[in-house]
Protein backbone atom coordinates (compact mmCIF):
# COMPACT_ATOMS: atom_id res chain seq x y z
CA UNK A 1 -0.24 0.04 -0.02
CA UNK A 2 1.43 3.49 -0.67
CA UNK A 3 -0.17 6.52 1.14
CA UNK A 4 0.78 10.18 0.44
CA UNK A 5 0.73 12.68 3.32
CA UNK A 6 0.99 16.70 3.33
CA UNK A 7 2.37 18.75 5.69
CA UNK A 8 2.08 21.29 3.31
CA UNK A 9 -0.06 23.01 1.03
CA UNK A 10 1.32 20.70 -1.91
CA UNK A 11 -1.17 18.20 -3.09
CA UNK A 12 0.01 15.58 -5.88
CA UNK A 13 -1.96 15.43 -8.83
CA UNK A 14 -2.90 11.66 -10.24
CA UNK A 15 -1.92 9.93 -6.97
CA UNK A 16 -3.55 6.35 -8.50
CA UNK A 17 -1.60 6.54 -11.33
CA UNK A 18 1.80 7.63 -9.20
CA UNK A 19 0.89 4.93 -7.35
CA UNK A 20 0.47 2.59 -9.88
CA UNK A 21 4.02 3.70 -11.46
CA UNK A 22 5.82 2.93 -8.18
CA UNK A 23 4.36 -0.66 -8.68
CA UNK A 24 5.43 -0.95 -11.86
CA UNK A 25 8.93 0.05 -10.83
CA UNK A 26 9.04 -2.36 -7.66
CA UNK A 27 7.53 -5.47 -9.67
CA UNK A 28 9.93 -4.74 -12.65
CA UNK A 29 12.74 -5.06 -9.90
CA UNK A 30 11.21 -8.63 -8.59
CA UNK A 31 10.38 -6.70 -5.60
CA UNK A 32 6.90 -6.81 -3.65
CA UNK A 33 5.12 -3.63 -2.13
CA UNK A 34 5.03 -3.63 1.35
CA UNK A 35 3.73 -0.19 2.96
CA UNK A 36 5.31 3.15 1.46
CA UNK A 37 4.23 6.37 3.24
CA UNK A 38 5.16 9.47 1.07
CA UNK A 39 5.16 12.96 3.29
CA UNK A 40 5.21 16.10 1.32
CA UNK A 41 6.68 18.62 3.20
CA UNK A 42 8.78 22.00 3.43
CA UNK A 43 12.43 22.78 4.11
CA UNK A 44 12.05 23.46 7.66
CA UNK A 45 10.27 20.57 8.27
CA UNK A 46 12.62 18.08 6.70
CA UNK A 47 15.83 20.15 7.77
CA UNK A 48 14.50 18.86 11.41
CA UNK A 49 14.46 15.55 10.43
CA UNK A 50 18.42 15.66 8.61
CA UNK A 51 19.50 17.29 11.66
CA UNK A 52 17.46 14.59 14.68
CA UNK A 53 18.10 11.51 12.80
CA UNK A 54 21.34 12.20 10.32
CA UNK A 55 23.03 14.48 12.19
CA UNK A 56 22.89 16.47 8.69
CA UNK A 57 22.56 20.45 9.21
CA UNK A 58 21.58 20.96 5.64
CA UNK A 59 18.61 21.37 3.41
CA UNK A 60 17.80 18.17 1.15
CA UNK A 61 15.11 17.15 -1.13
CA UNK A 62 14.34 13.40 0.28
CA UNK A 63 15.11 11.84 3.20
CA UNK A 64 13.97 7.80 2.90
CA UNK A 65 13.44 6.02 5.84
CA UNK A 66 14.00 2.13 4.77
CA UNK A 67 12.47 -0.26 6.97
CA UNK A 68 12.34 -2.81 4.10
CA UNK A 69 12.46 -6.71 4.87
CA UNK A 70 14.70 -8.25 1.78
CA UNK A 71 12.71 -7.89 -1.40
CA UNK A 72 9.57 -6.43 0.79
CA UNK A 73 9.49 -2.64 0.14
CA UNK A 74 8.90 -0.72 3.08
CA UNK A 75 9.57 2.54 4.51
CA UNK A 76 8.68 6.42 5.02
CA UNK A 77 9.87 8.84 2.15
CA UNK A 78 9.87 12.86 3.15
CA UNK A 79 10.12 14.65 0.28
CA UNK A 80 10.79 18.64 0.82
CA UNK A 81 8.68 20.45 -2.00
CA UNK A 82 10.78 23.64 -1.88
CA UNK A 83 13.89 21.78 -2.49
CA UNK A 84 12.25 19.73 -5.71
CA UNK A 85 11.02 23.40 -6.85
CA UNK A 86 14.88 24.98 -6.47
CA UNK A 87 16.30 21.85 -7.94
CA UNK A 88 14.15 21.77 -11.25
CA UNK A 89 15.15 25.50 -11.89
CA UNK A 90 18.88 24.57 -11.30
CA UNK A 91 18.35 21.09 -13.52
CA UNK A 92 16.41 22.83 -16.29
CA UNK A 93 13.35 20.49 -15.80
CA UNK A 94 10.15 20.82 -15.20
CA UNK A 95 8.96 21.05 -11.35
CA UNK A 96 6.73 17.63 -11.88
CA UNK A 97 9.67 15.55 -13.70
CA UNK A 98 11.77 16.43 -10.81
CA UNK A 99 9.15 15.38 -8.59
CA UNK A 100 9.10 12.02 -9.85
CA UNK A 101 12.58 11.71 -9.99
CA UNK A 102 12.67 12.08 -5.97
CA UNK A 103 9.55 9.86 -5.65
CA UNK A 104 11.21 7.19 -7.69
CA UNK A 105 14.84 7.39 -6.03
CA UNK A 106 13.44 6.79 -2.64
CA UNK A 107 12.39 3.27 -3.84
CA UNK A 108 15.03 2.46 -6.03
CA UNK A 109 17.46 2.93 -2.54
CA UNK A 110 14.53 0.34 -0.86
CA UNK A 111 15.12 -1.73 -3.96
CA UNK A 112 19.25 -1.77 -3.35
CA UNK A 113 20.41 0.80 -5.65
CA UNK A 114 22.98 3.16 -3.60
CA UNK A 115 24.24 6.56 -4.52
CA UNK A 116 27.28 7.41 -2.39
CA UNK A 117 30.24 6.89 -5.11
CA UNK A 118 30.19 8.23 -8.74
CA UNK A 119 29.59 4.86 -10.08
CA UNK A 120 26.45 4.25 -7.69
CA UNK A 121 25.38 7.95 -8.50
CA UNK A 122 25.66 6.78 -12.25
CA UNK A 123 23.63 3.83 -11.86
CA UNK A 124 21.17 5.52 -9.48
CA UNK A 125 20.72 7.99 -12.37
CA UNK A 126 20.56 5.47 -14.76
CA UNK A 127 17.48 3.63 -12.79
CA UNK A 128 16.01 6.94 -12.12
CA UNK A 129 15.74 7.70 -16.24
CA UNK A 130 14.39 4.00 -17.13
CA UNK A 131 11.59 4.70 -14.24
CA UNK A 132 10.66 8.17 -15.48
CA UNK A 133 10.55 6.32 -19.12
CA UNK A 134 7.61 4.16 -17.65
CA UNK A 135 5.42 6.53 -16.42
CA UNK A 136 2.17 7.15 -18.07
CA UNK A 137 0.48 10.56 -16.96
């Protein structure tokens, strides 16, 4: 089950199609959907979590708490809408494209993809791009 929660004025359009897309990506990686909670928030909300749980005193676009068990995908994904907006401008892409990239980024972590090294970052970006091609608006 996928739930979308809002701690800001933002509201995701087409929740059901986004949910179907996420399910498709999980299935393609031979994993099973357990429970994923998305929490859309602002910079301040996410910064507090970053300091409290990760001891990082920086802004970020996403924090994901992985509760997966083997191939059963579970977790909480916090996304700062303000960071996504700024990153979309910086990367010269639409807000919705950047939002979908961040939405699937957390799931790809749960599936097992990392992004600490340059090689891992390249693979993560490749997987994000492949996932974005599967998205039906």
